[in-house]
């Protein structure tokens, strides 16, 4: 995996984790699963990806050749940033509604 993709994954994961911790503190709601995708599904996906990369480490997309883990990492980054954005907006709306009721 390219170091920039690995760093992006780490940053996206930490961003999502921090949002989860803040939601737990402010709203009192801890969510480990988002959109029916949780730690167990992630582990299963990683097992499949690791087995697949043994036989085919490169993938071809639109005539270009990429490392499988780079593509998976880019998809992971996009997914985590999307989930972060949606949950942050939802939690912000919840907090706004709670604040305006007072």
PDB file of N, CA and C in Angstrom:
ATOM      1  N   UNK A   1       0.846  -1.176   0.000  1.00  0.00           N
ATOM      2  CA  UNK A   1       0.000   0.000   0.000  1.00  0.00           C
ATOM      3  C   UNK A   1       0.889   1.236   0.000  1.00  0.00           C
ATOM      4  N   UNK A   2       0.476   2.205  -0.780  1.00  0.00           N
ATOM      5  CA  UNK A   2       1.217   3.464  -0.842  1.00  0.00           C
ATOM      6  C   UNK A   2       1.085   4.181   0.505  1.00  0.00           C
ATOM      7  N   UNK A   3       2.166   4.772   0.998  1.00  0.00           N
ATOM      8  CA  UNK A   3       2.114   5.438   2.307  1.00  0.00           C
ATOM      9  C   UNK A   3       1.056   6.540   2.406  1.00  0.00           C
ATOM     10  N   UNK A   4       0.798   7.264   1.330  1.00  0.00           N
ATOM     11  CA  UNK A   4      -0.220   8.320   1.376  1.00  0.00           C
ATOM     12  C   UNK A   4      -1.618   7.727   1.583  1.00  0.00           C
ATOM     13  N   UNK A   5      -1.893   6.591   0.970  1.00  0.00           N
ATOM     14  CA  UNK A   5      -3.186   5.921   1.157  1.00  0.00           C
ATOM     15  C   UNK A   5      -3.295   5.424   2.601  1.00  0.00           C
ATOM     16  N   UNK A   6      -2.219   4.832   3.114  1.00  0.00           N
ATOM     17  CA  UNK A   6      -2.226   4.346   4.495  1.00  0.00           C
ATOM     18  C   UNK A   6      -2.451   5.491   5.478  1.00  0.00           C
ATOM     19  N   UNK A   7      -1.801   6.623   5.245  1.00  0.00           N
ATOM     20  CA  UNK A   7      -1.991   7.788   6.115  1.00  0.00           C
ATOM     21  C   UNK A   7      -3.417   8.311   6.003  1.00  0.00           C
ATOM     22  N   UNK A   8      -3.956   8.341   4.799  1.00  0.00           N
ATOM     23  CA  UNK A   8      -5.342   8.767   4.620  1.00  0.00           C
ATOM     24  C   UNK A   8      -6.318   7.866   5.350  1.00  0.00           C
ATOM     25  N   UNK A   9      -6.078   6.554   5.311  1.00  0.00           N
ATOM     26  CA  UNK A   9      -6.928   5.617   6.048  1.00  0.00           C
ATOM     27  C   UNK A   9      -6.848   5.872   7.545  1.00  0.00           C
ATOM     28  N   UNK A  10      -5.648   6.077   8.041  1.00  0.00           N
ATOM     29  CA  UNK A  10      -5.463   6.342   9.461  1.00  0.00           C
ATOM     30  C   UNK A  10      -6.186   7.623   9.878  1.00  0.00           C
ATOM     31  N   UNK A  11      -6.050   8.666   9.083  1.00  0.00           N
ATOM     32  CA  UNK A  11      -6.712   9.931   9.405  1.00  0.00           C
ATOM     33  C   UNK A  11      -8.226   9.808   9.344  1.00  0.00           C
ATOM     34  N   UNK A  12      -8.735   9.126   8.315  1.00  0.00           N
ATOM     35  CA  UNK A  12     -10.186   8.956   8.187  1.00  0.00           C
ATOM     36  C   UNK A  12     -10.736   8.127   9.343  1.00  0.00           C
ATOM     37  N   UNK A  13     -10.023   7.080   9.724  1.00  0.00           N
ATOM     38  CA  UNK A  13     -10.453   6.249  10.849  1.00  0.00           C
ATOM     39  C   UNK A  13     -10.474   7.064  12.144  1.00  0.00           C
ATOM     40  N   UNK A  14      -9.418   7.834  12.383  1.00  0.00           N
ATOM     41  CA  UNK A  14      -9.371   8.649  13.604  1.00  0.00           C
ATOM     42  C   UNK A  14     -10.456   9.715  13.608  1.00  0.00           C
ATOM     43  N   UNK A  15     -10.749  10.299  12.464  1.00  0.00           N
ATOM     44  CA  UNK A  15     -11.816  11.292  12.358  1.00  0.00           C
ATOM     45  C   UNK A  15     -13.152  10.671  12.737  1.00  0.00           C
ATOM     46  N   UNK A  16     -13.422   9.487  12.206  1.00  0.00           N
ATOM     47  CA  UNK A  16     -14.672   8.790  12.513  1.00  0.00           C
ATOM     48  C   UNK A  16     -14.717   8.365  13.976  1.00  0.00           C
ATOM     49  N   UNK A  17     -13.601   7.908  14.517  1.00  0.00           N
ATOM     50  CA  UNK A  17     -13.563   7.502  15.920  1.00  0.00           C
ATOM     51  C   UNK A  17     -13.807   8.708  16.832  1.00  0.00           C
ATOM     52  N   UNK A  18     -13.175   9.834  16.539  1.00  0.00           N
ATOM     53  CA  UNK A  18     -13.359  11.032  17.367  1.00  0.00           C
ATOM     54  C   UNK A  18     -14.803  11.510  17.331  1.00  0.00           C
ATOM     55  N   UNK A  19     -15.426  11.422  16.181  1.00  0.00           N
ATOM     56  CA  UNK A  19     -16.829  11.827  16.068  1.00  0.00           C
ATOM     57  C   UNK A  19     -17.695  10.916  16.928  1.00  0.00           C
ATOM     58  N   UNK A  20     -17.372   9.641  16.934  1.00  0.00           N
ATOM     59  CA  UNK A  20     -18.116   8.689  17.748  1.00  0.00           C
ATOM     60  C   UNK A  20     -17.938   8.983  19.240  1.00  0.00           C
ATOM     61  N   UNK A  21     -16.708   9.292  19.649  1.00  0.00           N
ATOM     62  CA  UNK A  21     -16.454   9.622  21.048  1.00  0.00           C
ATOM     63  C   UNK A  21     -17.182  10.908  21.461  1.00  0.00           C
ATOM     64  N   UNK A  22     -17.169  11.906  20.587  1.00  0.00           N
ATOM     65  CA  UNK A  22     -17.860  13.162  20.891  1.00  0.00           C
ATOM     66  C   UNK A  22     -19.367  12.955  20.977  1.00  0.00           C
ATOM     67  N   UNK A  23     -19.908  12.121  20.085  1.00  0.00           N
ATOM     68  CA  UNK A  23     -21.343  11.836  20.137  1.00  0.00           C
ATOM     69  C   UNK A  23     -21.698  11.116  21.432  1.00  0.00           C
ATOM     70  N   UNK A  24     -20.830  10.222  21.858  1.00  0.00           N
ATOM     71  CA  UNK A  24     -21.077   9.504  23.114  1.00  0.00           C
ATOM     72  C   UNK A  24     -21.103  10.483  24.280  1.00  0.00           C
ATOM     73  N   UNK A  25     -20.194  11.426  24.279  1.00  0.00           N
ATOM     74  CA  UNK A  25     -20.114  12.388  25.378  1.00  0.00           C
ATOM     75  C   UNK A  25     -21.266  13.391  25.342  1.00  0.00           C
ATOM     76  N   UNK A  26     -21.580  13.919  24.173  1.00  0.00           N
ATOM     77  CA  UNK A  26     -22.571  14.995  24.090  1.00  0.00           C
ATOM     78  C   UNK A  26     -24.009  14.502  24.022  1.00  0.00           C
ATOM     79  N   UNK A  27     -24.244  13.434  23.281  1.00  0.00           N
ATOM     80  CA  UNK A  27     -25.607  12.936  23.088  1.00  0.00           C
ATOM     81  C   UNK A  27     -25.902  11.742  23.990  1.00  0.00           C
ATOM     82  N   UNK A  28     -24.841  11.021  24.385  1.00  0.00           N
ATOM     83  CA  UNK A  28     -25.029   9.828  25.200  1.00  0.00           C
ATOM     84  C   UNK A  28     -25.352   8.610  24.354  1.00  0.00           C
ATOM     85  N   UNK A  29     -24.948   8.632  23.105  1.00  0.00           N
ATOM     86  CA  UNK A  29     -25.255   7.544  22.177  1.00  0.00           C
ATOM     87  C   UNK A  29     -23.956   7.035  21.553  1.00  0.00           C
ATOM     88  N   UNK A  30     -23.610   5.773  21.817  1.00  0.00           N
ATOM     89  CA  UNK A  30     -22.404   5.179  21.238  1.00  0.00           C
ATOM     90  C   UNK A  30     -22.819   4.207  20.153  1.00  0.00           C
ATOM     91  N   UNK A  31     -22.318   4.446  18.948  1.00  0.00           N
ATOM     92  CA  UNK A  31     -22.637   3.573  17.812  1.00  0.00           C
ATOM     93  C   UNK A  31     -21.347   2.952  17.293  1.00  0.00           C
ATOM     94  N   UNK A  32     -21.319   1.636  17.275  1.00  0.00           N
ATOM     95  CA  UNK A  32     -20.178   0.919  16.754  1.00  0.00           C
ATOM     96  C   UNK A  32     -20.397   0.532  15.296  1.00  0.00           C
ATOM     97  N   UNK A  33     -21.650   0.417  14.889  1.00  0.00           N
ATOM     98  CA  UNK A  33     -22.010   0.006  13.542  1.00  0.00           C
ATOM     99  C   UNK A  33     -22.668   1.181  12.826  1.00  0.00           C
ATOM    100  N   UNK A  34     -22.267   1.381  11.577  1.00  0.00           N
ATOM    101  CA  UNK A  34     -22.871   2.420  10.746  1.00  0.00           C
ATOM    102  C   UNK A  34     -23.341   1.787   9.451  1.00  0.00           C
ATOM    103  N   UNK A  35     -24.612   1.990   9.110  1.00  0.00           N
ATOM    104  CA  UNK A  35     -25.189   1.475   7.870  1.00  0.00           C
ATOM    105  C   UNK A  35     -25.001  -0.038   7.755  1.00  0.00           C
ATOM    106  N   UNK A  36     -25.270  -0.747   8.861  1.00  0.00           N
ATOM    107  CA  UNK A  36     -25.173  -2.206   8.921  1.00  0.00           C
ATOM    108  C   UNK A  36     -23.766  -2.717   8.593  1.00  0.00           C
ATOM    109  N   UNK A  37     -22.748  -1.909   8.830  1.00  0.00           N
ATOM    110  CA  UNK A  37     -21.366  -2.310   8.580  1.00  0.00           C
ATOM    111  C   UNK A  37     -20.570  -2.028   9.838  1.00  0.00           C
ATOM    112  N   UNK A  38     -20.203  -3.089  10.523  1.00  0.00           N
ATOM    113  CA  UNK A  38     -19.495  -2.942  11.779  1.00  0.00           C
ATOM    114  C   UNK A  38     -18.163  -3.666  11.770  1.00  0.00           C
ATOM    115  N   UNK A  39     -17.600  -3.885  12.947  1.00  0.00           N
ATOM    116  CA  UNK A  39     -16.275  -4.502  13.038  1.00  0.00           C
ATOM    117  C   UNK A  39     -16.215  -5.923  12.483  1.00  0.00           C
ATOM    118  N   UNK A  40     -17.265  -6.705  12.684  1.00  0.00           N
ATOM    119  CA  UNK A  40     -17.254  -8.080  12.178  1.00  0.00           C
ATOM    120  C   UNK A  40     -17.243  -8.101  10.656  1.00  0.00           C
ATOM    121  N   UNK A  41     -18.047  -7.254  10.045  1.00  0.00           N
ATOM    122  CA  UNK A  41     -18.071  -7.183   8.582  1.00  0.00           C
ATOM    123  C   UNK A  41     -16.734  -6.678   8.038  1.00  0.00           C
ATOM    124  N   UNK A  42     -16.130  -5.740   8.741  1.00  0.00           N
ATOM    125  CA  UNK A  42     -14.822  -5.234   8.320  1.00  0.00           C
ATOM    126  C   UNK A  42     -13.768  -6.333   8.379  1.00  0.00           C
ATOM    127  N   UNK A  43     -13.779  -7.106   9.439  1.00  0.00           N
ATOM    128  CA  UNK A  43     -12.821  -8.218   9.539  1.00  0.00           C
ATOM    129  C   UNK A  43     -13.031  -9.236   8.429  1.00  0.00           C
ATOM    130  N   UNK A  44     -14.274  -9.557   8.123  1.00  0.00           N
ATOM    131  CA  UNK A  44     -14.552 -10.506   7.039  1.00  0.00           C
ATOM    132  C   UNK A  44     -14.054  -9.956   5.704  1.00  0.00           C
ATOM    133  N   UNK A  45     -14.254  -8.669   5.470  1.00  0.00           N
ATOM    134  CA  UNK A  45     -13.778  -8.038   4.241  1.00  0.00           C
ATOM    135  C   UNK A  45     -12.256  -8.059   4.166  1.00  0.00           C
ATOM    136  N   UNK A  46     -11.588  -7.825   5.280  1.00  0.00           N
ATOM    137  CA  UNK A  46     -10.126  -7.868   5.299  1.00  0.00           C
ATOM    138  C   UNK A  46      -9.593  -9.278   5.043  1.00  0.00           C
ATOM    139  N   UNK A  47     -10.267 -10.290   5.559  1.00  0.00           N
ATOM    140  CA  UNK A  47      -9.860 -11.671   5.296  1.00  0.00           C
ATOM    141  C   UNK A  47      -9.978 -11.982   3.807  1.00  0.00           C
ATOM    142  N   UNK A  48     -11.106 -11.629   3.218  1.00  0.00           N
ATOM    143  CA  UNK A  48     -11.301 -11.868   1.787  1.00  0.00           C
ATOM    144  C   UNK A  48     -10.268 -11.108   0.967  1.00  0.00           C
ATOM    145  N   UNK A  49     -10.015  -9.855   1.298  1.00  0.00           N
ATOM    146  CA  UNK A  49      -9.028  -9.059   0.579  1.00  0.00           C
ATOM    147  C   UNK A  49      -7.624  -9.633   0.689  1.00  0.00           C
ATOM    148  N   UNK A  50      -7.249 -10.091   1.872  1.00  0.00           N
ATOM    149  CA  UNK A  50      -5.921 -10.686   2.050  1.00  0.00           C
ATOM    150  C   UNK A  50      -5.773 -11.992   1.291  1.00  0.00           C
ATOM    151  N   UNK A  51      -6.818 -12.800   1.261  1.00  0.00           N
ATOM    152  CA  UNK A  51      -6.758 -14.034   0.477  1.00  0.00           C
ATOM    153  C   UNK A  51      -6.697 -13.738  -1.018  1.00  0.00           C
ATOM    154  N   UNK A  52      -7.450 -12.740  -1.452  1.00  0.00           N
ATOM    155  CA  UNK A  52      -7.469 -12.381  -2.868  1.00  0.00           C
ATOM    156  C   UNK A  52      -6.121 -11.831  -3.330  1.00  0.00           C
ATOM    157  N   UNK A  53      -5.474 -11.030  -2.493  1.00  0.00           N
ATOM    158  CA  UNK A  53      -4.215 -10.386  -2.879  1.00  0.00           C
ATOM    159  C   UNK A  53      -3.081 -11.401  -3.038  1.00  0.00           C
ATOM    160  N   UNK A  54      -3.207 -12.570  -2.424  1.00  0.00           N
ATOM    161  CA  UNK A  54      -2.200 -13.615  -2.603  1.00  0.00           C
ATOM    162  C   UNK A  54      -2.129 -14.027  -4.071  1.00  0.00           C
ATOM    163  N   UNK A  55      -3.276 -14.116  -4.711  1.00  0.00           N
ATOM    164  CA  UNK A  55      -3.341 -14.596  -6.086  1.00  0.00           C
ATOM    165  C   UNK A  55      -3.340 -13.469  -7.120  1.00  0.00           C
ATOM    166  N   UNK A  56      -3.852 -12.318  -6.747  1.00  0.00           N
ATOM    167  CA  UNK A  56      -3.947 -11.210  -7.705  1.00  0.00           C
ATOM    168  C   UNK A  56      -3.734  -9.877  -6.975  1.00  0.00           C
ATOM    169  N   UNK A  57      -2.464  -9.459  -6.816  1.00  0.00           N
ATOM    170  CA  UNK A  57      -2.188  -8.241  -6.046  1.00  0.00           C
ATOM    171  C   UNK A  57      -2.483  -6.949  -6.811  1.00  0.00           C
ATOM    172  N   UNK A  58      -2.632  -7.025  -8.123  1.00  0.00           N
ATOM    173  CA  UNK A  58      -2.890  -5.834  -8.931  1.00  0.00           C
ATOM    174  C   UNK A  58      -4.284  -5.933  -9.547  1.00  0.00           C
ATOM    175  N   UNK A  59      -4.943  -4.782  -9.687  1.00  0.00           N
ATOM    176  CA  UNK A  59      -6.251  -4.729 -10.338  1.00  0.00           C
ATOM    177  C   UNK A  59      -6.186  -3.725 -11.481  1.00  0.00           C
ATOM    178  N   UNK A  60      -7.036  -3.928 -12.465  1.00  0.00           N
ATOM    179  CA  UNK A  60      -7.081  -3.044 -13.637  1.00  0.00           C
ATOM    180  C   UNK A  60      -8.416  -2.298 -13.625  1.00  0.00           C
ATOM    181  N   UNK A  61      -8.328  -0.983 -13.589  1.00  0.00           N
ATOM    182  CA  UNK A  61      -9.512  -0.131 -13.577  1.00  0.00           C
ATOM    183  C   UNK A  61      -9.341   0.929 -14.655  1.00  0.00           C
ATOM    184  N   UNK A  62     -10.260   0.940 -15.600  1.00  0.00           N
ATOM    185  CA  UNK A  62     -10.255   1.916 -16.697  1.00  0.00           C
ATOM    186  C   UNK A  62      -8.915   1.953 -17.430  1.00  0.00           C
ATOM    187  N   UNK A  63      -8.356   0.784 -17.684  1.00  0.00           N
ATOM    188  CA  UNK A  63      -7.106   0.703 -18.424  1.00  0.00           C
ATOM    189  C   UNK A  63      -5.857   0.999 -17.611  1.00  0.00           C
ATOM    190  N   UNK A  64      -5.998   1.284 -16.346  1.00  0.00           N
ATOM    191  CA  UNK A  64      -4.867   1.573 -15.463  1.00  0.00           C
ATOM    192  C   UNK A  64      -4.667   0.387 -14.517  1.00  0.00           C
ATOM    193  N   UNK A  65      -3.434   0.182 -14.083  1.00  0.00           N
ATOM    194  CA  UNK A  65      -3.127  -0.881 -13.135  1.00  0.00           C
ATOM    195  C   UNK A  65      -2.808  -0.266 -11.772  1.00  0.00           C
ATOM    196  N   UNK A  66      -3.480  -0.789 -10.743  1.00  0.00           N
ATOM    197  CA  UNK A  66      -3.305  -0.309  -9.379  1.00  0.00           C
ATOM    198  C   UNK A  66      -3.095  -1.486  -8.445  1.00  0.00           C
ATOM    199  N   UNK A  67      -2.478  -1.231  -7.295  1.00  0.00           N
ATOM    200  CA  UNK A  67      -2.399  -2.249  -6.248  1.00  0.00           C
ATOM    201  C   UNK A  67      -3.785  -2.414  -5.641  1.00  0.00           C
ATOM    202  N   UNK A  68      -4.136  -3.651  -5.337  1.00  0.00           N
ATOM    203  CA  UNK A  68      -5.453  -3.926  -4.762  1.00  0.00           C
ATOM    204  C   UNK A  68      -5.648  -3.179  -3.454  1.00  0.00           C
ATOM    205  N   UNK A  69      -4.633  -3.155  -2.607  1.00  0.00           N
ATOM    206  CA  UNK A  69      -4.771  -2.476  -1.323  1.00  0.00           C
ATOM    207  C   UNK A  69      -4.883  -0.959  -1.481  1.00  0.00           C
ATOM    208  N   UNK A  70      -4.300  -0.388  -2.529  1.00  0.00           N
ATOM    209  CA  UNK A  70      -4.469   1.046  -2.779  1.00  0.00           C
ATOM    210  C   UNK A  70      -5.923   1.356  -3.143  1.00  0.00           C
ATOM    211  N   UNK A  71      -6.491   0.520  -3.981  1.00  0.00           N
ATOM    212  CA  UNK A  71      -7.893   0.722  -4.374  1.00  0.00           C
ATOM    213  C   UNK A  71      -8.805   0.527  -3.167  1.00  0.00           C
ATOM    214  N   UNK A  72      -8.561  -0.547  -2.418  1.00  0.00           N
ATOM    215  CA  UNK A  72      -9.364  -0.785  -1.218  1.00  0.00           C
ATOM    216  C   UNK A  72      -9.221   0.327  -0.199  1.00  0.00           C
ATOM    217  N   UNK A  73      -8.006   0.841  -0.052  1.00  0.00           N
ATOM    218  CA  UNK A  73      -7.782   1.944   0.875  1.00  0.00           C
ATOM    219  C   UNK A  73      -8.496   3.213   0.448  1.00  0.00           C
ATOM    220  N   UNK A  74      -8.469   3.504  -0.854  1.00  0.00           N
ATOM    221  CA  UNK A  74      -9.164   4.696  -1.363  1.00  0.00           C
ATOM    222  C   UNK A  74     -10.671   4.571  -1.154  1.00  0.00           C
ATOM    223  N   UNK A  75     -11.212   3.379  -1.382  1.00  0.00           N
ATOM    224  CA  UNK A  75     -12.641   3.155  -1.138  1.00  0.00           C
ATOM    225  C   UNK A  75     -12.940   3.289   0.349  1.00  0.00           C
ATOM    226  N   UNK A  76     -12.059   2.759   1.197  1.00  0.00           N
ATOM    227  CA  UNK A  76     -12.230   2.878   2.644  1.00  0.00           C
ATOM    228  C   UNK A  76     -12.210   4.319   3.115  1.00  0.00           C
ATOM    229  N   UNK A  77     -11.286   5.107   2.579  1.00  0.00           N
ATOM    230  CA  UNK A  77     -11.210   6.526   2.930  1.00  0.00           C
ATOM    231  C   UNK A  77     -12.511   7.235   2.554  1.00  0.00           C
ATOM    232  N   UNK A  78     -12.954   7.008   1.323  1.00  0.00           N
ATOM    233  CA  UNK A  78     -14.190   7.654   0.859  1.00  0.00           C
ATOM    234  C   UNK A  78     -15.375   7.241   1.720  1.00  0.00           C
ATOM    235  N   UNK A  79     -15.454   5.961   2.053  1.00  0.00           N
ATOM    236  CA  UNK A  79     -16.562   5.482   2.869  1.00  0.00           C
ATOM    237  C   UNK A  79     -16.558   6.065   4.266  1.00  0.00           C
ATOM    238  N   UNK A  80     -15.392   6.097   4.892  1.00  0.00           N
ATOM    239  CA  UNK A  80     -15.314   6.634   6.253  1.00  0.00           C
ATOM    240  C   UNK A  80     -15.589   8.130   6.298  1.00  0.00           C
ATOM    241  N   UNK A  81     -15.108   8.859   5.308  1.00  0.00           N
ATOM    242  CA  UNK A  81     -15.384  10.304   5.272  1.00  0.00           C
ATOM    243  C   UNK A  81     -16.873  10.547   5.033  1.00  0.00           C
ATOM    244  N   UNK A  82     -17.491   9.731   4.185  1.00  0.00           N
ATOM    245  CA  UNK A  82     -18.932   9.856   3.945  1.00  0.00           C
ATOM    246  C   UNK A  82     -19.719   9.561   5.222  1.00  0.00           C
ATOM    247  N   UNK A  83     -19.371   8.486   5.918  1.00  0.00           N
ATOM    248  CA  UNK A  83     -20.057   8.141   7.165  1.00  0.00           C
ATOM    249  C   UNK A  83     -19.832   9.231   8.207  1.00  0.00           C
ATOM    250  N   UNK A  84     -18.602   9.745   8.295  1.00  0.00           N
ATOM    251  CA  UNK A  84     -18.324  10.831   9.232  1.00  0.00           C
ATOM    252  C   UNK A  84     -19.215  12.038   8.937  1.00  0.00           C
ATOM    253  N   UNK A  85     -19.278  12.426   7.684  1.00  0.00           N
ATOM    254  CA  UNK A  85     -20.070  13.598   7.304  1.00  0.00           C
ATOM    255  C   UNK A  85     -21.543  13.415   7.654  1.00  0.00           C
ATOM    256  N   UNK A  86     -22.071  12.248   7.326  1.00  0.00           N
ATOM    257  CA  UNK A  86     -23.494  12.005   7.587  1.00  0.00           C
ATOM    258  C   UNK A  86     -23.794  11.948   9.081  1.00  0.00           C
ATOM    259  N   UNK A  87     -22.945  11.269   9.858  1.00  0.00           N
ATOM    260  CA  UNK A  87     -23.216  11.184  11.295  1.00  0.00           C
ATOM    261  C   UNK A  87     -22.971  12.521  11.985  1.00  0.00           C
ATOM    262  N   UNK A  88     -21.986  13.272  11.537  1.00  0.00           N
ATOM    263  CA  UNK A  88     -21.745  14.595  12.131  1.00  0.00           C
ATOM    264  C   UNK A  88     -22.931  15.519  11.870  1.00  0.00           C
ATOM    265  N   UNK A  89     -23.470  15.462  10.661  1.00  0.00           N
ATOM    266  CA  UNK A  89     -24.648  16.297  10.354  1.00  0.00           C
ATOM    267  C   UNK A  89     -25.848  15.859  11.177  1.00  0.00           C
ATOM    268  N   UNK A  90     -26.062  14.556  11.305  1.00  0.00           N
ATOM    269  CA  UNK A  90     -27.189  14.041  12.088  1.00  0.00           C
ATOM    270  C   UNK A  90     -27.047  14.434  13.556  1.00  0.00           C
ATOM    271  N   UNK A  91     -25.848  14.272  14.108  1.00  0.00           N
ATOM    272  CA  UNK A  91     -25.638  14.604  15.521  1.00  0.00           C
ATOM    273  C   UNK A  91     -25.719  16.108  15.764  1.00  0.00           C
ATOM    274  N   UNK A  92     -25.245  16.894  14.815  1.00  0.00           N
ATOM    275  CA  UNK A  92     -25.368  18.347  14.941  1.00  0.00           C
ATOM    276  C   UNK A  92     -26.836  18.751  14.959  1.00  0.00           C
ATOM    277  N   UNK A  93     -27.644  18.139  14.104  1.00  0.00           N
ATOM    278  CA  UNK A  93     -29.080  18.437  14.078  1.00  0.00           C
ATOM    279  C   UNK A  93     -29.737  18.030  15.395  1.00  0.00           C
ATOM    280  N   UNK A  94     -29.351  16.875  15.959  1.00  0.00           N
ATOM    281  CA  UNK A  94     -29.901  16.449  17.251  1.00  0.00           C
ATOM    282  C   UNK A  94     -29.563  17.449  18.339  1.00  0.00           C
ATOM    283  N   UNK A  95     -28.313  17.856  18.383  1.00  0.00           N
ATOM    284  CA  UNK A  95     -27.899  18.819  19.397  1.00  0.00           C
ATOM    285  C   UNK A  95     -28.599  20.159  19.216  1.00  0.00           C
ATOM    286  N   UNK A  96     -28.802  20.581  17.978  1.00  0.00           N
ATOM    287  CA  UNK A  96     -29.496  21.842  17.712  1.00  0.00           C
ATOM    288  C   UNK A  96     -30.937  21.770  18.197  1.00  0.00           C
ATOM    289  N   UNK A  97     -31.600  20.649  17.901  1.00  0.00           N
ATOM    290  CA  UNK A  97     -32.987  20.481  18.344  1.00  0.00           C
ATOM    291  C   UNK A  97     -33.082  20.479  19.868  1.00  0.00           C
ATOM    292  N   UNK A  98     -32.147  19.815  20.541  1.00  0.00           N
ATOM    293  CA  UNK A  98     -32.151  19.797  22.005  1.00  0.00           C
ATOM    294  C   UNK A  98     -31.937  21.196  22.574  1.00  0.00           C
ATOM    295  N   UNK A  99     -31.040  21.943  21.950  1.00  0.00           N
ATOM    296  CA  UNK A  99     -30.715  23.295  22.446  1.00  0.00           C
ATOM    297  C   UNK A  99     -31.876  24.258  22.227  1.00  0.00           C
ATOM    298  N   UNK A 100     -32.592  24.156  21.123  1.00  0.00           N
ATOM    299  CA  UNK A 100     -33.682  25.097  20.838  1.00  0.00           C
ATOM    300  C   UNK A 100     -34.930  24.799  21.636  1.00  0.00           C
ATOM    301  N   UNK A 101     -35.043  23.623  22.240  1.00  0.00           N
ATOM    302  CA  UNK A 101     -36.208  23.280  23.069  1.00  0.00           C
ATOM    303  C   UNK A 101     -36.150  23.937  24.426  1.00  0.00           C
ATOM    304  N   UNK A 102     -35.003  24.345  24.846  1.00  0.00           N
ATOM    305  CA  UNK A 102     -34.860  24.906  26.192  1.00  0.00           C
ATOM    306  C   UNK A 102     -35.457  26.268  26.305  1.00  0.00           C
TER     307      UNK A 102
END
